[in-house]
Amino acid sequence: MVLNTAKRDIKSRLLPLVLSAGIILADQAAKLIVILTVPIGRSVKVIGDFFRIIHVQNPAIAFSIGRGIEAGTRRTLFTLLPLIVIALLFLYYLFTRDPLTRFQRWCFGALVGGGIGNYVDRIFRPAGVVDFLDFKFYGIFGLERWPTFNLADATVVVTGIMLFISFLVPVRPAPGGAK
């Protein structure tokens, strides 16, 4: 009985990592399509001026933070820092004694996948992470357009918010006691 429970716990922790792999593959495939079809700096209108695909390379992190740092330092810092964060998240996910809900496990899987998706760019694309999703923002927060991003960025932000909220909102037991 204890062995079956241990196997079930391992399976419930490893299965969301399939989502991680799927996100990495989808993100890298989308970036490759953009690299092969859209010249750097050019855009393709998808929904008028509201949504465009534009090929940009971001050597910094979110919202181009760190662009002003000297290139060698920036590359080292932005290669090591995400690796440490991803490793810590992954270790917490695998070895936490606190029970995570099924939802939280899947959020962690998505978060790790998004983080690794951009990390692959940092390692194999010295010019920077490929960003390509560009939305008009109509002057909200003083932005005419939202900063360009990619699928990995979207995954990290959305699942990060969902995971944060899941830790704040109490969990109601499901019928039958499953989480």
N, C-alpha and C. Protein backbone atom coordinates (compact mmCIF):
# COMPACT_ATOMS: atom_id res chain seq x y z
N MET A 1 0.83 -1.19 0.00
CA MET A 1 0.00 0.00 0.00
C MET A 1 0.87 1.26 0.00
N VAL A 2 1.92 1.28 0.85
CA VAL A 2 2.81 2.43 0.92
C VAL A 2 3.55 2.61 -0.40
N LEU A 3 3.96 1.51 -1.02
CA LEU A 3 4.66 1.57 -2.31
C LEU A 3 3.75 2.15 -3.39
N ASN A 4 2.50 1.76 -3.43
CA ASN A 4 1.55 2.31 -4.40
C ASN A 4 1.36 3.80 -4.19
N THR A 5 1.27 4.24 -2.94
CA THR A 5 1.12 5.66 -2.64
C THR A 5 2.36 6.43 -3.08
N ALA A 6 3.55 5.88 -2.85
CA ALA A 6 4.79 6.53 -3.26
C ALA A 6 4.86 6.64 -4.78
N LYS A 7 4.48 5.57 -5.49
CA LYS A 7 4.48 5.59 -6.96
C LYS A 7 3.50 6.64 -7.48
N ARG A 8 2.33 6.72 -6.86
CA ARG A 8 1.31 7.69 -7.27
C ARG A 8 1.82 9.11 -7.03
N ASP A 9 2.52 9.35 -5.89
CA ASP A 9 3.07 10.67 -5.60
C ASP A 9 4.14 11.05 -6.62
N ILE A 10 5.02 10.12 -6.96
CA ILE A 10 6.06 10.38 -7.96
C ILE A 10 5.41 10.68 -9.31
N LYS A 11 4.43 9.89 -9.69
CA LYS A 11 3.75 10.10 -10.97
C LYS A 11 3.05 11.46 -10.99
N SER A 12 2.39 11.83 -9.88
CA SER A 12 1.68 13.10 -9.84
C SER A 12 2.65 14.29 -9.89
N ARG A 13 3.89 14.09 -9.46
CA ARG A 13 4.89 15.15 -9.54
C ARG A 13 5.59 15.19 -10.89
N LEU A 14 5.74 14.05 -11.53
CA LEU A 14 6.46 14.01 -12.81
C LEU A 14 5.56 14.30 -14.01
N LEU A 15 4.31 13.95 -13.95
CA LEU A 15 3.41 14.15 -15.09
C LEU A 15 3.33 15.61 -15.54
N PRO A 16 3.23 16.59 -14.65
CA PRO A 16 3.20 17.99 -15.12
C PRO A 16 4.47 18.42 -15.85
N LEU A 17 5.55 17.67 -15.69
CA LEU A 17 6.78 18.01 -16.42
C LEU A 17 6.63 17.71 -17.91
N VAL A 18 5.63 16.91 -18.28
CA VAL A 18 5.30 16.72 -19.69
C VAL A 18 4.82 18.05 -20.26
N LEU A 19 4.05 18.79 -19.46
CA LEU A 19 3.62 20.13 -19.87
C LEU A 19 4.84 21.04 -20.07
N SER A 20 5.82 20.92 -19.17
CA SER A 20 7.06 21.71 -19.32
C SER A 20 7.67 21.46 -20.69
N ALA A 21 7.82 20.19 -21.04
CA ALA A 21 8.43 19.83 -22.33
C ALA A 21 7.59 20.36 -23.49
N GLY A 22 6.26 20.25 -23.38
CA GLY A 22 5.39 20.75 -24.44
C GLY A 22 5.52 22.25 -24.64
N ILE A 23 5.63 22.99 -23.54
CA ILE A 23 5.77 24.45 -23.62
C ILE A 23 7.12 24.81 -24.25
N ILE A 24 8.17 24.11 -23.85
CA ILE A 24 9.49 24.37 -24.43
C ILE A 24 9.45 24.13 -25.94
N LEU A 25 8.88 23.02 -26.35
CA LEU A 25 8.81 22.70 -27.79
C LEU A 25 7.95 23.71 -28.56
N ALA A 26 6.78 24.06 -28.03
CA ALA A 26 5.91 25.03 -28.71
C ALA A 26 6.60 26.39 -28.81
N ASP A 27 7.23 26.82 -27.72
CA ASP A 27 7.92 28.11 -27.70
C ASP A 27 9.05 28.14 -28.72
N GLN A 28 9.88 27.10 -28.72
CA GLN A 28 11.01 27.06 -29.65
C GLN A 28 10.55 26.92 -31.10
N ALA A 29 9.49 26.16 -31.33
CA ALA A 29 8.95 26.03 -32.70
C ALA A 29 8.43 27.37 -33.20
N ALA A 30 7.68 28.09 -32.35
CA ALA A 30 7.16 29.40 -32.74
C ALA A 30 8.31 30.38 -33.03
N LYS A 31 9.33 30.37 -32.19
CA LYS A 31 10.48 31.25 -32.41
C LYS A 31 11.20 30.90 -33.70
N LEU A 32 11.35 29.62 -33.99
CA LEU A 32 12.01 29.19 -35.22
C LEU A 32 11.22 29.65 -36.44
N ILE A 33 9.91 29.53 -36.39
CA ILE A 33 9.07 29.99 -37.50
C ILE A 33 9.26 31.49 -37.73
N VAL A 34 9.28 32.25 -36.64
CA VAL A 34 9.48 33.70 -36.75
C VAL A 34 10.87 34.00 -37.33
N ILE A 35 11.89 33.32 -36.84
CA ILE A 35 13.26 33.54 -37.33
C ILE A 35 13.35 33.27 -38.83
N LEU A 36 12.69 32.20 -39.28
CA LEU A 36 12.76 31.80 -40.69
C LEU A 36 11.88 32.62 -41.62
N THR A 37 10.85 33.28 -41.08
CA THR A 37 9.89 33.95 -41.96
C THR A 37 9.80 35.46 -41.81
N VAL A 38 10.25 36.02 -40.71
CA VAL A 38 10.13 37.46 -40.49
C VAL A 38 11.52 38.05 -40.24
N PRO A 39 11.98 38.93 -41.12
CA PRO A 39 13.30 39.56 -40.90
C PRO A 39 13.30 40.36 -39.59
N ILE A 40 14.46 40.45 -38.96
CA ILE A 40 14.59 41.19 -37.71
C ILE A 40 14.12 42.63 -37.90
N GLY A 41 13.27 43.07 -36.96
CA GLY A 41 12.77 44.44 -36.99
C GLY A 41 11.54 44.63 -37.87
N ARG A 42 11.18 43.67 -38.67
CA ARG A 42 10.01 43.77 -39.55
C ARG A 42 8.79 43.21 -38.82
N SER A 43 7.62 43.68 -39.22
CA SER A 43 6.40 43.18 -38.59
C SER A 43 5.40 42.71 -39.64
N VAL A 44 4.53 41.82 -39.21
CA VAL A 44 3.45 41.30 -40.04
C VAL A 44 2.15 41.57 -39.29
N LYS A 45 1.25 42.31 -39.91
CA LYS A 45 -0.04 42.60 -39.26
C LYS A 45 -0.89 41.34 -39.26
N VAL A 46 -1.40 40.98 -38.09
CA VAL A 46 -2.27 39.82 -37.96
C VAL A 46 -3.72 40.29 -37.80
N ILE A 47 -3.93 41.22 -36.88
CA ILE A 47 -5.25 41.84 -36.67
C ILE A 47 -5.05 43.35 -36.75
N GLY A 48 -4.98 43.85 -37.96
CA GLY A 48 -4.75 45.28 -38.18
C GLY A 48 -3.53 45.76 -37.42
N ASP A 49 -3.67 46.92 -36.78
CA ASP A 49 -2.56 47.45 -35.98
C ASP A 49 -2.62 46.96 -34.54
N PHE A 50 -3.71 46.25 -34.17
CA PHE A 50 -3.87 45.78 -32.80
C PHE A 50 -2.88 44.67 -32.46
N PHE A 51 -2.73 43.68 -33.33
CA PHE A 51 -1.83 42.54 -33.07
C PHE A 51 -0.93 42.30 -34.27
N ARG A 52 0.38 42.31 -34.00
CA ARG A 52 1.37 42.08 -35.04
C ARG A 52 2.37 41.02 -34.57
N ILE A 53 2.95 40.35 -35.54
CA ILE A 53 4.11 39.49 -35.29
C ILE A 53 5.31 40.33 -35.73
N ILE A 54 6.24 40.54 -34.81
CA ILE A 54 7.44 41.32 -35.12
C ILE A 54 8.64 40.56 -34.58
N HIS A 55 9.68 40.50 -35.35
CA HIS A 55 10.88 39.75 -34.95
C HIS A 55 11.87 40.70 -34.27
N VAL A 56 12.01 40.55 -32.96
CA VAL A 56 13.01 41.33 -32.22
C VAL A 56 13.84 40.38 -31.36
N GLN A 57 15.03 40.82 -31.03
CA GLN A 57 15.90 40.05 -30.15
C GLN A 57 16.16 40.89 -28.91
N ASN A 58 15.86 40.32 -27.76
CA ASN A 58 15.99 41.03 -26.50
C ASN A 58 17.18 40.46 -25.72
N PRO A 59 18.29 41.21 -25.65
CA PRO A 59 19.45 40.73 -24.91
C PRO A 59 19.30 40.88 -23.39
N ALA A 60 18.24 41.54 -22.96
CA ALA A 60 18.02 41.80 -21.53
C ALA A 60 16.96 40.82 -21.00
N ILE A 61 16.32 41.20 -19.91
CA ILE A 61 15.22 40.38 -19.37
C ILE A 61 13.92 41.14 -19.59
N ALA A 62 12.86 40.74 -18.93
CA ALA A 62 11.52 41.30 -19.14
C ALA A 62 11.55 42.82 -19.24
N PHE A 63 10.79 43.33 -20.20
CA PHE A 63 10.67 44.77 -20.44
C PHE A 63 12.02 45.42 -20.72
N SER A 64 12.97 44.64 -21.25
CA SER A 64 14.32 45.11 -21.61
C SER A 64 15.11 45.61 -20.40
N ILE A 65 14.78 45.14 -19.21
CA ILE A 65 15.52 45.51 -18.01
C ILE A 65 16.93 44.95 -18.13
N GLY A 66 17.91 45.79 -17.93
CA GLY A 66 19.30 45.37 -17.99
C GLY A 66 19.96 45.60 -19.33
N ARG A 67 19.26 46.22 -20.26
CA ARG A 67 19.82 46.47 -21.59
C ARG A 67 21.08 47.33 -21.50
N GLY A 68 21.15 48.21 -20.49
CA GLY A 68 22.28 49.11 -20.35
C GLY A 68 23.52 48.48 -19.72
N ILE A 69 23.41 47.26 -19.22
CA ILE A 69 24.55 46.59 -18.61
C ILE A 69 25.51 46.15 -19.70
N GLU A 70 26.81 46.24 -19.44
CA GLU A 70 27.84 45.84 -20.41
C GLU A 70 27.55 44.41 -20.88
N ALA A 71 27.73 44.16 -22.17
CA ALA A 71 27.30 42.91 -22.82
C ALA A 71 27.83 41.65 -22.13
N GLY A 72 29.11 41.59 -21.81
CA GLY A 72 29.68 40.39 -21.18
C GLY A 72 29.08 40.13 -19.81
N THR A 73 28.94 41.18 -19.02
CA THR A 73 28.35 41.05 -17.68
C THR A 73 26.89 40.66 -17.79
N ARG A 74 26.18 41.31 -18.74
CA ARG A 74 24.76 41.01 -18.93
C ARG A 74 24.56 39.55 -19.32
N ARG A 75 25.37 39.07 -20.25
CA ARG A 75 25.23 37.68 -20.71
C ARG A 75 25.49 36.70 -19.56
N THR A 76 26.53 36.95 -18.78
CA THR A 76 26.84 36.08 -17.64
C THR A 76 25.73 36.13 -16.61
N LEU A 77 25.31 37.33 -16.25
CA LEU A 77 24.27 37.51 -15.24
C LEU A 77 22.95 36.88 -15.68
N PHE A 78 22.56 37.13 -16.93
CA PHE A 78 21.27 36.63 -17.41
C PHE A 78 21.33 35.18 -17.86
N THR A 79 22.50 34.58 -17.79
CA THR A 79 22.61 33.14 -18.00
C THR A 79 22.57 32.43 -16.66
N LEU A 80 23.25 32.97 -15.66
CA LEU A 80 23.30 32.33 -14.34
C LEU A 80 22.04 32.55 -13.52
N LEU A 81 21.53 33.78 -13.49
CA LEU A 81 20.38 34.09 -12.65
C LEU A 81 19.14 33.25 -12.99
N PRO A 82 18.73 33.16 -14.27
CA PRO A 82 17.57 32.30 -14.57
C PRO A 82 17.83 30.82 -14.26
N LEU A 83 19.05 30.36 -14.45
CA LEU A 83 19.38 28.97 -14.14
C LEU A 83 19.17 28.70 -12.65
N ILE A 84 19.60 29.62 -11.82
CA ILE A 84 19.44 29.47 -10.37
C ILE A 84 17.96 29.48 -10.01
N VAL A 85 17.19 30.42 -10.57
CA VAL A 85 15.76 30.50 -10.26
C VAL A 85 15.03 29.24 -10.71
N ILE A 86 15.31 28.78 -11.94
CA ILE A 86 14.66 27.57 -12.45
C ILE A 86 15.03 26.37 -11.59
N ALA A 87 16.30 26.26 -11.23
CA ALA A 87 16.75 25.14 -10.40
C ALA A 87 16.06 25.16 -9.03
N LEU A 88 15.96 26.34 -8.41
CA LEU A 88 15.30 26.44 -7.11
C LEU A 88 13.82 26.08 -7.20
N LEU A 89 13.15 26.57 -8.24
CA LEU A 89 11.74 26.22 -8.45
C LEU A 89 11.58 24.70 -8.63
N PHE A 90 12.43 24.14 -9.45
CA PHE A 90 12.37 22.71 -9.75
C PHE A 90 12.63 21.89 -8.49
N LEU A 91 13.63 22.27 -7.71
CA LEU A 91 13.93 21.55 -6.47
C LEU A 91 12.79 21.68 -5.46
N TYR A 92 12.25 22.88 -5.33
CA TYR A 92 11.11 23.06 -4.44
C TYR A 92 9.96 22.17 -4.88
N TYR A 93 9.70 22.17 -6.17
CA TYR A 93 8.60 21.38 -6.72
C TYR A 93 8.78 19.89 -6.43
N LEU A 94 9.99 19.39 -6.64
CA LEU A 94 10.23 17.96 -6.47
C LEU A 94 10.30 17.51 -5.01
N PHE A 95 10.85 18.36 -4.14
CA PHE A 95 11.16 17.90 -2.79
C PHE A 95 10.38 18.57 -1.67
N THR A 96 9.43 19.44 -1.97
CA THR A 96 8.68 20.08 -0.90
C THR A 96 7.87 19.03 -0.13
N ARG A 97 7.84 19.20 1.16
CA ARG A 97 7.06 18.30 2.02
C ARG A 97 5.61 18.79 2.10
N ASP A 98 5.42 20.09 1.83
CA ASP A 98 4.07 20.64 1.83
C ASP A 98 3.33 20.08 0.62
N PRO A 99 2.13 19.60 0.84
CA PRO A 99 1.39 19.05 -0.30
C PRO A 99 0.96 20.16 -1.26
N LEU A 100 1.29 19.99 -2.51
CA LEU A 100 0.84 20.91 -3.54
C LEU A 100 -0.44 20.34 -4.14
N THR A 101 -1.35 21.22 -4.50
CA THR A 101 -2.57 20.75 -5.16
C THR A 101 -2.21 20.33 -6.58
N ARG A 102 -3.09 19.61 -7.21
CA ARG A 102 -2.89 19.22 -8.61
C ARG A 102 -2.70 20.48 -9.46
N PHE A 103 -3.55 21.48 -9.23
CA PHE A 103 -3.47 22.75 -9.97
C PHE A 103 -2.08 23.40 -9.81
N GLN A 104 -1.58 23.44 -8.57
CA GLN A 104 -0.27 24.03 -8.32
C GLN A 104 0.84 23.25 -8.99
N ARG A 105 0.74 21.92 -9.01
CA ARG A 105 1.75 21.11 -9.69
C ARG A 105 1.78 21.43 -11.19
N TRP A 106 0.61 21.57 -11.81
CA TRP A 106 0.56 21.89 -13.24
C TRP A 106 1.07 23.30 -13.49
N CYS A 107 0.78 24.23 -12.58
CA CYS A 107 1.33 25.59 -12.71
C CYS A 107 2.85 25.56 -12.63
N PHE A 108 3.40 24.79 -11.69
CA PHE A 108 4.85 24.68 -11.60
C PHE A 108 5.42 24.10 -12.88
N GLY A 109 4.77 23.07 -13.42
CA GLY A 109 5.23 22.48 -14.68
C GLY A 109 5.28 23.51 -15.80
N ALA A 110 4.23 24.32 -15.91
CA ALA A 110 4.18 25.36 -16.94
C ALA A 110 5.24 26.43 -16.69
N LEU A 111 5.40 26.82 -15.44
CA LEU A 111 6.39 27.85 -15.08
C LEU A 111 7.81 27.40 -15.44
N VAL A 112 8.13 26.18 -15.11
CA VAL A 112 9.46 25.64 -15.44
C VAL A 112 9.63 25.58 -16.96
N GLY A 113 8.59 25.14 -17.69
CA GLY A 113 8.67 25.09 -19.15
C GLY A 113 8.90 26.44 -19.77
N GLY A 114 8.18 27.46 -19.31
CA GLY A 114 8.38 28.81 -19.82
C GLY A 114 9.77 29.34 -19.51
N GLY A 115 10.22 29.10 -18.29
CA GLY A 115 11.57 29.55 -17.92
C GLY A 115 12.65 28.90 -18.76
N ILE A 116 12.52 27.62 -18.99
CA ILE A 116 13.52 26.91 -19.80
C ILE A 116 13.42 27.33 -21.27
N GLY A 117 12.20 27.61 -21.75
CA GLY A 117 12.03 28.08 -23.12
C GLY A 117 12.87 29.30 -23.41
N ASN A 118 12.85 30.28 -22.51
CA ASN A 118 13.67 31.48 -22.70
C ASN A 118 15.14 31.19 -22.39
N TYR A 119 15.40 30.28 -21.48
CA TYR A 119 16.79 29.95 -21.14
C TYR A 119 17.50 29.33 -22.34
N VAL A 120 16.79 28.53 -23.12
CA VAL A 120 17.36 27.94 -24.34
C VAL A 120 17.86 29.07 -25.25
N ASP A 121 17.07 30.13 -25.38
CA ASP A 121 17.49 31.27 -26.21
C ASP A 121 18.76 31.92 -25.64
N ARG A 122 18.81 32.08 -24.34
CA ARG A 122 19.98 32.73 -23.73
C ARG A 122 21.27 31.94 -23.99
N ILE A 123 21.15 30.63 -24.07
CA ILE A 123 22.32 29.79 -24.30
C ILE A 123 22.67 29.72 -25.79
N PHE A 124 21.68 29.52 -26.64
CA PHE A 124 21.94 29.24 -28.06
C PHE A 124 21.75 30.42 -29.00
N ARG A 125 21.26 31.54 -28.50
CA ARG A 125 21.06 32.72 -29.35
C ARG A 125 21.76 33.91 -28.68
N PRO A 126 23.03 34.11 -28.98
CA PRO A 126 23.82 35.16 -28.31
C PRO A 126 23.24 36.57 -28.48
N ALA A 127 22.47 36.82 -29.55
CA ALA A 127 21.89 38.15 -29.76
C ALA A 127 20.73 38.42 -28.81
N GLY A 128 20.21 37.37 -28.18
CA GLY A 128 19.15 37.56 -27.20
C GLY A 128 17.94 36.67 -27.44
N VAL A 129 17.01 36.77 -26.53
CA VAL A 129 15.77 36.00 -26.59
C VAL A 129 14.92 36.54 -27.74
N VAL A 130 14.35 35.64 -28.52
CA VAL A 130 13.50 36.03 -29.64
C VAL A 130 12.10 36.36 -29.09
N ASP A 131 11.67 37.59 -29.30
CA ASP A 131 10.33 38.04 -28.94
C ASP A 131 9.58 38.36 -30.23
N PHE A 132 8.27 38.14 -30.24
CA PHE A 132 7.56 38.35 -31.51
C PHE A 132 6.09 38.73 -31.38
N LEU A 133 5.49 38.65 -30.20
CA LEU A 133 4.08 38.99 -30.03
C LEU A 133 3.98 40.47 -29.65
N ASP A 134 3.25 41.24 -30.45
CA ASP A 134 3.22 42.69 -30.29
C ASP A 134 1.76 43.17 -30.32
N PHE A 135 1.32 43.79 -29.22
CA PHE A 135 -0.07 44.24 -29.09
C PHE A 135 -0.14 45.75 -28.85
N LYS A 136 -1.11 46.38 -29.50
CA LYS A 136 -1.39 47.79 -29.26
C LYS A 136 -1.99 47.90 -27.87
N PHE A 137 -1.58 48.92 -27.11
CA PHE A 137 -2.04 49.06 -25.72
C PHE A 137 -2.81 50.35 -25.49
N TYR A 138 -3.02 51.12 -26.53
CA TYR A 138 -3.90 52.29 -26.52
C TYR A 138 -3.58 53.31 -25.43
N GLY A 139 -2.32 53.49 -25.11
CA GLY A 139 -1.92 54.51 -24.15
C GLY A 139 -2.11 54.14 -22.70
N ILE A 140 -2.60 52.93 -22.42
CA ILE A 140 -2.78 52.51 -21.03
C ILE A 140 -1.40 52.43 -20.38
N PHE A 141 -1.26 52.94 -19.17
CA PHE A 141 0.02 53.03 -18.45
C PHE A 141 1.06 53.81 -19.25
N GLY A 142 0.60 54.66 -20.15
CA GLY A 142 1.51 55.47 -20.96
C GLY A 142 2.18 54.68 -22.09
N LEU A 143 1.68 53.48 -22.37
CA LEU A 143 2.28 52.64 -23.42
C LEU A 143 1.38 52.60 -24.64
N GLU A 144 1.92 52.98 -25.77
CA GLU A 144 1.16 52.85 -27.01
C GLU A 144 1.08 51.37 -27.43
N ARG A 145 2.18 50.64 -27.21
CA ARG A 145 2.21 49.20 -27.49
C ARG A 145 2.78 48.51 -26.25
N TRP A 146 2.27 47.32 -25.94
CA TRP A 146 2.81 46.53 -24.86
C TRP A 146 4.19 46.03 -25.28
N PRO A 147 5.16 45.90 -24.37
CA PRO A 147 6.48 45.39 -24.77
C PRO A 147 6.34 44.02 -25.46
N THR A 148 7.06 43.84 -26.53
CA THR A 148 7.01 42.60 -27.31
C THR A 148 7.44 41.42 -26.44
N PHE A 149 6.77 40.28 -26.61
CA PHE A 149 7.05 39.12 -25.78
C PHE A 149 6.90 37.85 -26.62
N ASN A 150 7.08 36.68 -25.98
CA ASN A 150 6.96 35.40 -26.68
C ASN A 150 6.10 34.45 -25.85
N LEU A 151 5.94 33.23 -26.35
CA LEU A 151 5.08 32.25 -25.65
C LEU A 151 5.63 31.90 -24.27
N ALA A 152 6.94 31.77 -24.15
CA ALA A 152 7.53 31.45 -22.84
C ALA A 152 7.25 32.56 -21.84
N ASP A 153 7.40 33.82 -22.28
CA ASP A 153 7.10 34.96 -21.40
C ASP A 153 5.65 34.91 -20.93
N ALA A 154 4.74 34.69 -21.86
CA ALA A 154 3.32 34.66 -21.53
C ALA A 154 3.03 33.53 -20.53
N THR A 155 3.65 32.39 -20.75
CA THR A 155 3.45 31.25 -19.86
C THR A 155 3.94 31.57 -18.45
N VAL A 156 5.13 32.15 -18.35
CA VAL A 156 5.69 32.48 -17.03
C VAL A 156 4.80 33.49 -16.30
N VAL A 157 4.37 34.51 -16.99
CA VAL A 157 3.55 35.54 -16.34
C VAL A 157 2.19 34.99 -15.92
N VAL A 158 1.50 34.35 -16.85
CA VAL A 158 0.14 33.86 -16.54
C VAL A 158 0.17 32.79 -15.46
N THR A 159 1.03 31.79 -15.60
CA THR A 159 1.05 30.73 -14.58
C THR A 159 1.66 31.21 -13.27
N GLY A 160 2.57 32.17 -13.34
CA GLY A 160 3.11 32.75 -12.11
C GLY A 160 2.01 33.44 -11.30
N ILE A 161 1.15 34.19 -11.99
CA ILE A 161 0.03 34.86 -11.32
C ILE A 161 -0.95 33.82 -10.78
N MET A 162 -1.28 32.82 -11.60
CA MET A 162 -2.21 31.78 -11.15
C MET A 162 -1.66 31.03 -9.93
N LEU A 163 -0.36 30.73 -9.96
CA LEU A 163 0.26 30.01 -8.84
C LEU A 163 0.24 30.87 -7.57
N PHE A 164 0.57 32.15 -7.72
CA PHE A 164 0.55 33.06 -6.58
C PHE A 164 -0.85 33.12 -5.96
N ILE A 165 -1.86 33.27 -6.80
CA ILE A 165 -3.25 33.32 -6.31
C ILE A 165 -3.63 32.01 -5.64
N SER A 166 -3.15 30.89 -6.20
CA SER A 166 -3.51 29.58 -5.62
C SER A 166 -2.96 29.41 -4.20
N PHE A 167 -1.86 30.09 -3.89
CA PHE A 167 -1.32 30.01 -2.54
C PHE A 167 -2.09 30.92 -1.58
N LEU A 168 -2.76 31.93 -2.11
CA LEU A 168 -3.52 32.86 -1.28
C LEU A 168 -4.95 32.38 -1.01
N VAL A 169 -5.53 31.70 -1.98
CA VAL A 169 -6.93 31.27 -1.88
C VAL A 169 -6.97 29.90 -1.23
N PRO A 170 -7.76 29.76 -0.16
CA PRO A 170 -7.83 28.45 0.49
C PRO A 170 -8.43 27.40 -0.45
N VAL A 171 -7.93 26.18 -0.33
CA VAL A 171 -8.39 25.07 -1.17
C VAL A 171 -9.58 24.41 -0.52
N ARG A 172 -10.64 24.25 -1.29
CA ARG A 172 -11.80 23.50 -0.81
C ARG A 172 -11.64 22.05 -1.21
N PRO A 173 -11.80 21.14 -0.29
CA PRO A 173 -11.66 19.72 -0.65
C PRO A 173 -12.67 19.32 -1.71
N ALA A 174 -12.19 18.56 -2.68
CA ALA A 174 -13.06 18.05 -3.74
C ALA A 174 -13.84 16.87 -3.20
N PRO A 175 -14.96 16.55 -3.82
CA PRO A 175 -15.71 15.36 -3.38
C PRO A 175 -14.80 14.13 -3.43
N GLY A 176 -14.81 13.36 -2.41
CA GLY A 176 -13.97 12.16 -2.35
C GLY A 176 -12.60 12.43 -1.78
N GLY A 177 -12.30 13.68 -1.40
CA GLY A 177 -11.04 13.99 -0.73
C GLY A 177 -9.87 14.25 -1.66
N ALA A 178 -10.02 14.19 -2.98
CA ALA A 178 -8.90 14.45 -3.91
C ALA A 178 -8.64 15.94 -4.01
N LYS A 179 -7.37 16.30 -4.18
CA LYS A 179 -7.00 17.71 -4.35
C LYS A 179 -6.80 18.04 -5.79
